[in-house]
Amino acid sequence: MTPDPTTTPAQIELCVGAVVVDDGRLLMIRRGHGPAAGEWAIPGGRVEPGETVAEAVLRELVEETAIEGLCGDLIGWVERVEESHHFFILDFAVTCLDPGEPRAGSDAAEARWVPLDEVNELRLAPGLEHFLYEHRIIDRVL
């Protein structure tokens, strides 16, 4: 089947996410615009040309939360395919260097630490709750 160029995204975009857990809390942002605007997600975004995925993880983390960290192992990946976009997202464990109060920046409308047992009470980006559960970040799905 030939894709319809009027309904198929032009290209797959490589993205990353930072899963930062500290003291029983997950660092989260509320998206300010774009896909999942208004919904809660982990910090992340597109990998820029010439950037490694680890560099992208740490850049996005600082841009969206003002929190610095060390990029660890790949936790897993997800794809978000919709009419207007196709994102391939690699999510990495990140160790927080200073678990201070996050400050929303870049395309984040809000940033905060969320207790792990309260994460799925938020309006989460599609698929995030199941991803976090499948990878044992949270222990229940509502």
N, C-alpha and C. Protein backbone atom coordinates (compact mmCIF):
# COMPACT_ATOMS: atom_id res chain seq x y z
N MET A 1 0.84 -1.17 0.00
CA MET A 1 0.00 0.00 0.00
C MET A 1 0.88 1.24 0.00
N THR A 2 0.63 2.16 -0.90
CA THR A 2 1.39 3.40 -0.99
C THR A 2 0.81 4.43 -0.03
N PRO A 3 1.67 5.04 0.84
CA PRO A 3 1.16 6.05 1.77
C PRO A 3 0.61 7.25 1.02
N ASP A 4 -0.43 7.83 1.55
CA ASP A 4 -1.04 9.04 1.00
C ASP A 4 -0.27 10.24 1.55
N PRO A 5 0.46 11.00 0.70
CA PRO A 5 1.28 12.11 1.20
C PRO A 5 0.46 13.23 1.83
N THR A 6 -0.83 13.28 1.59
CA THR A 6 -1.64 14.32 2.21
C THR A 6 -2.04 13.97 3.64
N THR A 7 -1.93 12.70 4.04
CA THR A 7 -2.29 12.32 5.40
C THR A 7 -1.15 11.66 6.16
N THR A 8 -0.06 11.34 5.50
CA THR A 8 1.07 10.68 6.14
C THR A 8 2.12 11.71 6.52
N PRO A 9 2.64 11.65 7.76
CA PRO A 9 3.71 12.59 8.13
C PRO A 9 4.87 12.47 7.16
N ALA A 10 5.56 13.60 6.93
CA ALA A 10 6.65 13.65 5.96
C ALA A 10 7.83 12.78 6.36
N GLN A 11 8.12 12.68 7.66
CA GLN A 11 9.28 11.91 8.10
C GLN A 11 9.12 11.47 9.54
N ILE A 12 9.90 10.48 9.91
CA ILE A 12 9.95 10.05 11.29
C ILE A 12 10.95 10.94 12.01
N GLU A 13 10.57 11.43 13.18
CA GLU A 13 11.46 12.28 13.95
C GLU A 13 11.96 11.51 15.17
N LEU A 14 13.28 11.53 15.38
CA LEU A 14 13.89 10.88 16.53
C LEU A 14 13.81 11.81 17.72
N CYS A 15 13.26 11.29 18.82
CA CYS A 15 13.10 12.07 20.04
C CYS A 15 13.62 11.27 21.23
N VAL A 16 13.78 11.97 22.35
CA VAL A 16 14.25 11.34 23.58
C VAL A 16 13.40 11.81 24.75
N GLY A 17 13.44 11.02 25.82
CA GLY A 17 12.78 11.40 27.06
C GLY A 17 13.69 11.10 28.23
N ALA A 18 13.54 11.90 29.30
CA ALA A 18 14.34 11.74 30.51
C ALA A 18 13.45 11.25 31.64
N VAL A 19 13.69 10.04 32.10
CA VAL A 19 12.95 9.48 33.24
C VAL A 19 13.82 9.72 34.47
N VAL A 20 13.42 10.73 35.25
CA VAL A 20 14.20 11.14 36.42
C VAL A 20 13.38 10.82 37.66
N VAL A 21 13.83 9.83 38.42
CA VAL A 21 13.17 9.45 39.67
C VAL A 21 14.13 9.78 40.81
N ASP A 22 13.62 10.51 41.80
CA ASP A 22 14.43 10.88 42.94
C ASP A 22 13.54 10.90 44.19
N ASP A 23 13.95 10.17 45.20
CA ASP A 23 13.25 10.17 46.49
C ASP A 23 11.75 9.88 46.36
N GLY A 24 11.42 8.88 45.53
CA GLY A 24 10.03 8.48 45.37
C GLY A 24 9.19 9.43 44.54
N ARG A 25 9.86 10.27 43.75
CA ARG A 25 9.16 11.25 42.91
C ARG A 25 9.66 11.15 41.47
N LEU A 26 8.78 11.48 40.53
CA LEU A 26 9.13 11.52 39.11
C LEU A 26 9.11 12.97 38.65
N LEU A 27 10.14 13.40 37.96
CA LEU A 27 10.19 14.75 37.41
C LEU A 27 9.32 14.79 36.16
N MET A 28 8.33 15.69 36.16
CA MET A 28 7.38 15.76 35.05
C MET A 28 7.18 17.20 34.59
N ILE A 29 6.75 17.31 33.35
CA ILE A 29 6.40 18.62 32.79
C ILE A 29 5.01 18.55 32.19
N ARG A 30 4.34 19.71 32.19
CA ARG A 30 3.08 19.82 31.47
C ARG A 30 3.39 20.53 30.16
N ARG A 31 3.10 19.87 29.06
CA ARG A 31 3.42 20.40 27.72
C ARG A 31 2.68 21.71 27.46
N GLY A 32 3.42 22.67 26.94
CA GLY A 32 2.84 23.98 26.66
C GLY A 32 2.23 24.11 25.29
N HIS A 33 2.72 23.34 24.33
CA HIS A 33 2.19 23.38 22.95
C HIS A 33 2.62 22.14 22.21
N GLY A 34 2.18 22.02 20.99
CA GLY A 34 2.53 20.87 20.15
C GLY A 34 1.74 19.64 20.55
N PRO A 35 2.20 18.48 20.11
CA PRO A 35 1.49 17.24 20.47
C PRO A 35 1.41 17.10 22.00
N ALA A 36 0.27 16.73 22.49
CA ALA A 36 0.02 16.52 23.93
C ALA A 36 0.04 17.82 24.73
N ALA A 37 -0.22 18.95 24.09
CA ALA A 37 -0.27 20.23 24.81
C ALA A 37 -1.27 20.14 25.95
N GLY A 38 -0.86 20.62 27.12
CA GLY A 38 -1.71 20.59 28.30
C GLY A 38 -1.64 19.31 29.09
N GLU A 39 -0.99 18.29 28.55
CA GLU A 39 -0.88 17.00 29.22
C GLU A 39 0.48 16.87 29.89
N TRP A 40 0.53 16.03 30.91
CA TRP A 40 1.77 15.80 31.65
C TRP A 40 2.59 14.72 30.96
N ALA A 41 3.91 14.92 30.96
CA ALA A 41 4.84 14.01 30.31
C ALA A 41 6.18 14.07 31.04
N ILE A 42 7.10 13.24 30.61
CA ILE A 42 8.47 13.35 31.11
C ILE A 42 9.18 14.37 30.22
N PRO A 43 10.21 15.03 30.73
CA PRO A 43 10.95 15.98 29.90
C PRO A 43 11.54 15.30 28.67
N GLY A 44 11.52 15.97 27.55
CA GLY A 44 12.11 15.39 26.35
C GLY A 44 11.76 16.18 25.11
N GLY A 45 12.28 15.72 24.00
CA GLY A 45 12.03 16.39 22.73
C GLY A 45 12.88 15.80 21.62
N ARG A 46 12.98 16.54 20.55
CA ARG A 46 13.69 16.08 19.35
C ARG A 46 15.21 16.08 19.53
N VAL A 47 15.84 15.11 18.87
CA VAL A 47 17.30 15.08 18.79
C VAL A 47 17.69 16.01 17.64
N GLU A 48 18.61 16.92 17.92
CA GLU A 48 19.04 17.88 16.90
C GLU A 48 20.20 17.31 16.08
N PRO A 49 20.36 17.77 14.82
CA PRO A 49 21.46 17.29 13.98
C PRO A 49 22.80 17.46 14.67
N GLY A 50 23.63 16.42 14.61
CA GLY A 50 24.96 16.46 15.20
C GLY A 50 25.00 16.17 16.69
N GLU A 51 23.86 15.87 17.27
CA GLU A 51 23.75 15.64 18.71
C GLU A 51 23.57 14.14 18.98
N THR A 52 24.23 13.63 20.00
CA THR A 52 23.98 12.25 20.39
C THR A 52 22.67 12.19 21.16
N VAL A 53 22.10 11.00 21.29
CA VAL A 53 20.85 10.89 22.04
C VAL A 53 21.07 11.27 23.51
N ALA A 54 22.22 10.90 24.09
CA ALA A 54 22.51 11.26 25.48
C ALA A 54 22.60 12.77 25.64
N GLU A 55 23.24 13.44 24.70
CA GLU A 55 23.31 14.91 24.75
C GLU A 55 21.92 15.52 24.65
N ALA A 56 21.09 14.96 23.79
CA ALA A 56 19.72 15.47 23.62
C ALA A 56 18.91 15.31 24.90
N VAL A 57 19.05 14.16 25.56
CA VAL A 57 18.33 13.92 26.82
C VAL A 57 18.67 15.00 27.83
N LEU A 58 19.96 15.25 28.02
CA LEU A 58 20.39 16.21 29.03
C LEU A 58 20.06 17.65 28.64
N ARG A 59 20.15 17.97 27.36
CA ARG A 59 19.78 19.31 26.90
C ARG A 59 18.30 19.56 27.14
N GLU A 60 17.45 18.63 26.72
CA GLU A 60 16.01 18.78 26.90
C GLU A 60 15.65 18.88 28.38
N LEU A 61 16.30 18.08 29.21
CA LEU A 61 16.05 18.12 30.64
C LEU A 61 16.30 19.53 31.20
N VAL A 62 17.44 20.10 30.86
CA VAL A 62 17.78 21.44 31.35
C VAL A 62 16.84 22.49 30.75
N GLU A 63 16.58 22.40 29.44
CA GLU A 63 15.71 23.38 28.79
C GLU A 63 14.30 23.40 29.38
N GLU A 64 13.79 22.23 29.73
CA GLU A 64 12.39 22.15 30.18
C GLU A 64 12.22 22.24 31.69
N THR A 65 13.29 21.95 32.47
CA THR A 65 13.13 21.92 33.92
C THR A 65 14.20 22.67 34.70
N ALA A 66 15.30 23.06 34.06
CA ALA A 66 16.45 23.67 34.72
C ALA A 66 17.13 22.70 35.71
N ILE A 67 16.87 21.41 35.54
CA ILE A 67 17.50 20.38 36.37
C ILE A 67 18.60 19.71 35.55
N GLU A 68 19.76 19.50 36.17
CA GLU A 68 20.85 18.82 35.48
C GLU A 68 20.93 17.37 35.93
N GLY A 69 21.42 16.53 35.03
CA GLY A 69 21.51 15.12 35.36
C GLY A 69 22.59 14.40 34.58
N LEU A 70 22.67 13.10 34.83
CA LEU A 70 23.57 12.21 34.11
C LEU A 70 22.72 11.19 33.38
N CYS A 71 22.93 11.06 32.08
CA CYS A 71 22.14 10.12 31.28
C CYS A 71 22.62 8.70 31.53
N GLY A 72 21.67 7.83 31.85
CA GLY A 72 21.97 6.43 32.11
C GLY A 72 21.49 5.54 30.99
N ASP A 73 21.02 4.37 31.35
CA ASP A 73 20.62 3.35 30.40
C ASP A 73 19.29 3.65 29.71
N LEU A 74 19.15 3.08 28.53
CA LEU A 74 17.88 3.13 27.81
C LEU A 74 16.86 2.30 28.59
N ILE A 75 15.71 2.91 28.89
CA ILE A 75 14.64 2.19 29.57
C ILE A 75 13.76 1.49 28.55
N GLY A 76 13.43 2.19 27.47
CA GLY A 76 12.57 1.63 26.45
C GLY A 76 12.28 2.67 25.38
N TRP A 77 11.44 2.30 24.44
CA TRP A 77 11.10 3.20 23.35
C TRP A 77 9.61 3.14 23.08
N VAL A 78 9.11 4.22 22.50
CA VAL A 78 7.70 4.29 22.09
C VAL A 78 7.63 5.01 20.75
N GLU A 79 6.54 4.77 20.05
CA GLU A 79 6.25 5.51 18.83
C GLU A 79 4.94 6.23 19.00
N ARG A 80 4.89 7.46 18.57
CA ARG A 80 3.63 8.20 18.54
C ARG A 80 3.38 8.54 17.08
N VAL A 81 2.38 7.88 16.52
CA VAL A 81 2.05 8.08 15.11
C VAL A 81 0.65 8.66 15.04
N GLU A 82 0.57 9.85 14.53
CA GLU A 82 -0.70 10.51 14.33
C GLU A 82 -0.70 11.12 12.94
N GLU A 83 -1.79 11.69 12.57
CA GLU A 83 -1.90 12.24 11.22
C GLU A 83 -0.84 13.29 10.91
N SER A 84 -0.49 14.11 11.89
CA SER A 84 0.44 15.21 11.63
C SER A 84 1.89 14.91 11.98
N HIS A 85 2.17 13.79 12.66
CA HIS A 85 3.55 13.51 13.04
C HIS A 85 3.77 12.02 13.31
N HIS A 86 5.06 11.65 13.29
CA HIS A 86 5.48 10.29 13.64
C HIS A 86 6.78 10.43 14.42
N PHE A 87 6.67 10.29 15.74
CA PHE A 87 7.82 10.40 16.62
C PHE A 87 8.27 9.02 17.08
N PHE A 88 9.56 8.77 17.02
CA PHE A 88 10.18 7.58 17.59
C PHE A 88 10.95 8.08 18.80
N ILE A 89 10.55 7.65 20.01
CA ILE A 89 11.06 8.24 21.25
C ILE A 89 11.84 7.20 22.06
N LEU A 90 13.08 7.53 22.37
CA LEU A 90 13.94 6.70 23.22
C LEU A 90 13.95 7.32 24.61
N ASP A 91 13.50 6.56 25.61
CA ASP A 91 13.43 7.07 26.98
C ASP A 91 14.57 6.48 27.82
N PHE A 92 15.31 7.38 28.48
CA PHE A 92 16.49 7.00 29.25
C PHE A 92 16.31 7.29 30.72
N ALA A 93 16.91 6.45 31.56
CA ALA A 93 17.00 6.74 32.99
C ALA A 93 18.01 7.86 33.17
N VAL A 94 17.68 8.82 34.00
CA VAL A 94 18.58 9.93 34.27
C VAL A 94 18.74 10.08 35.77
N THR A 95 19.99 10.22 36.21
CA THR A 95 20.29 10.49 37.60
C THR A 95 20.34 11.99 37.80
N CYS A 96 19.56 12.47 38.74
CA CYS A 96 19.49 13.90 39.01
C CYS A 96 20.72 14.33 39.80
N LEU A 97 21.37 15.42 39.37
CA LEU A 97 22.55 15.92 40.08
C LEU A 97 22.16 16.80 41.27
N ASP A 98 21.06 17.54 41.15
CA ASP A 98 20.60 18.41 42.23
C ASP A 98 19.07 18.44 42.18
N PRO A 99 18.42 17.67 43.05
CA PRO A 99 16.96 17.55 42.98
C PRO A 99 16.22 18.77 43.54
N GLY A 100 16.66 19.95 43.14
CA GLY A 100 16.00 21.16 43.59
C GLY A 100 14.65 21.34 42.92
N GLU A 101 14.07 22.51 43.12
CA GLU A 101 12.76 22.81 42.54
C GLU A 101 12.93 23.07 41.04
N PRO A 102 12.23 22.32 40.19
CA PRO A 102 12.34 22.56 38.74
C PRO A 102 11.67 23.87 38.34
N ARG A 103 12.15 24.45 37.24
CA ARG A 103 11.57 25.66 36.67
C ARG A 103 11.20 25.36 35.23
N ALA A 104 9.95 25.57 34.89
CA ALA A 104 9.48 25.30 33.53
C ALA A 104 10.17 26.24 32.55
N GLY A 105 10.58 25.67 31.43
CA GLY A 105 11.21 26.46 30.39
C GLY A 105 10.92 25.83 29.05
N SER A 106 11.42 26.43 27.98
CA SER A 106 11.25 25.91 26.63
C SER A 106 9.77 25.73 26.34
N ASP A 107 9.35 24.53 25.95
CA ASP A 107 7.93 24.33 25.62
C ASP A 107 7.14 23.72 26.77
N ALA A 108 7.70 23.75 27.99
CA ALA A 108 6.99 23.26 29.18
C ALA A 108 6.20 24.40 29.81
N ALA A 109 4.92 24.16 30.07
CA ALA A 109 4.09 25.15 30.75
C ALA A 109 4.28 25.09 32.26
N GLU A 110 4.68 23.91 32.75
CA GLU A 110 4.85 23.70 34.18
C GLU A 110 5.82 22.54 34.36
N ALA A 111 6.59 22.56 35.45
CA ALA A 111 7.50 21.46 35.77
C ALA A 111 7.43 21.23 37.27
N ARG A 112 7.39 19.95 37.65
CA ARG A 112 7.37 19.65 39.08
C ARG A 112 7.71 18.19 39.35
N TRP A 113 8.08 17.95 40.61
CA TRP A 113 8.28 16.60 41.09
C TRP A 113 6.92 16.06 41.50
N VAL A 114 6.59 14.86 41.04
CA VAL A 114 5.30 14.24 41.34
C VAL A 114 5.57 12.93 42.09
N PRO A 115 4.98 12.76 43.28
CA PRO A 115 5.14 11.48 43.96
C PRO A 115 4.71 10.34 43.05
N LEU A 116 5.47 9.24 43.05
CA LEU A 116 5.19 8.14 42.14
C LEU A 116 3.78 7.60 42.27
N ASP A 117 3.23 7.61 43.47
CA ASP A 117 1.88 7.08 43.63
C ASP A 117 0.78 8.06 43.21
N GLU A 118 1.18 9.24 42.74
CA GLU A 118 0.22 10.24 42.26
C GLU A 118 0.33 10.50 40.75
N VAL A 119 1.33 9.90 40.11
CA VAL A 119 1.57 10.18 38.69
C VAL A 119 0.34 9.91 37.84
N ASN A 120 -0.30 8.76 38.03
CA ASN A 120 -1.42 8.44 37.13
C ASN A 120 -2.72 9.13 37.52
N GLU A 121 -2.68 10.05 38.48
CA GLU A 121 -3.82 10.90 38.77
C GLU A 121 -3.83 12.13 37.87
N LEU A 122 -2.70 12.39 37.20
CA LEU A 122 -2.58 13.53 36.29
C LEU A 122 -3.13 13.17 34.92
N ARG A 123 -3.43 14.17 34.13
CA ARG A 123 -3.82 13.97 32.73
C ARG A 123 -2.52 13.76 31.93
N LEU A 124 -2.20 12.49 31.70
CA LEU A 124 -0.92 12.13 31.09
C LEU A 124 -0.99 12.08 29.56
N ALA A 125 0.15 12.30 28.94
CA ALA A 125 0.27 12.15 27.49
C ALA A 125 -0.11 10.72 27.13
N PRO A 126 -0.69 10.51 25.95
CA PRO A 126 -1.12 9.17 25.55
C PRO A 126 0.00 8.13 25.66
N GLY A 127 -0.32 7.01 26.30
CA GLY A 127 0.61 5.89 26.41
C GLY A 127 1.61 5.99 27.55
N LEU A 128 1.74 7.16 28.17
CA LEU A 128 2.78 7.33 29.20
C LEU A 128 2.52 6.46 30.42
N GLU A 129 1.28 6.41 30.88
CA GLU A 129 0.97 5.62 32.06
C GLU A 129 1.36 4.15 31.86
N HIS A 130 1.01 3.58 30.73
CA HIS A 130 1.34 2.17 30.45
C HIS A 130 2.85 1.98 30.31
N PHE A 131 3.53 2.92 29.68
CA PHE A 131 4.99 2.84 29.55
C PHE A 131 5.63 2.81 30.93
N LEU A 132 5.23 3.74 31.80
CA LEU A 132 5.82 3.81 33.14
C LEU A 132 5.52 2.56 33.94
N TYR A 133 4.34 2.01 33.78
CA TYR A 133 3.96 0.78 34.48
C TYR A 133 4.76 -0.42 33.94
N GLU A 134 4.81 -0.56 32.63
CA GLU A 134 5.52 -1.68 32.01
C GLU A 134 7.01 -1.70 32.38
N HIS A 135 7.57 -0.52 32.62
CA HIS A 135 8.99 -0.44 32.95
C HIS A 135 9.24 -0.23 34.44
N ARG A 136 8.18 -0.51 35.23
CA ARG A 136 8.27 -0.54 36.70
C ARG A 136 8.67 0.77 37.33
N ILE A 137 8.27 1.88 36.69
CA ILE A 137 8.49 3.19 37.29
C ILE A 137 7.35 3.48 38.28
N ILE A 138 6.12 3.15 37.86
CA ILE A 138 4.96 3.24 38.75
C ILE A 138 4.42 1.82 38.94
N ASP A 139 3.67 1.62 40.03
CA ASP A 139 3.25 0.24 40.33
C ASP A 139 1.78 -0.06 40.08
N ARG A 140 1.06 0.86 39.46
CA ARG A 140 -0.34 0.59 39.14
C ARG A 140 -0.80 1.44 37.96
N VAL A 141 -1.83 0.94 37.31
CA VAL A 141 -2.47 1.65 36.20
C VAL A 141 -3.92 1.87 36.60
N LEU A 142 -4.39 3.07 36.42
CA LEU A 142 -5.80 3.35 36.76
C LEU A 142 -6.71 3.00 35.61
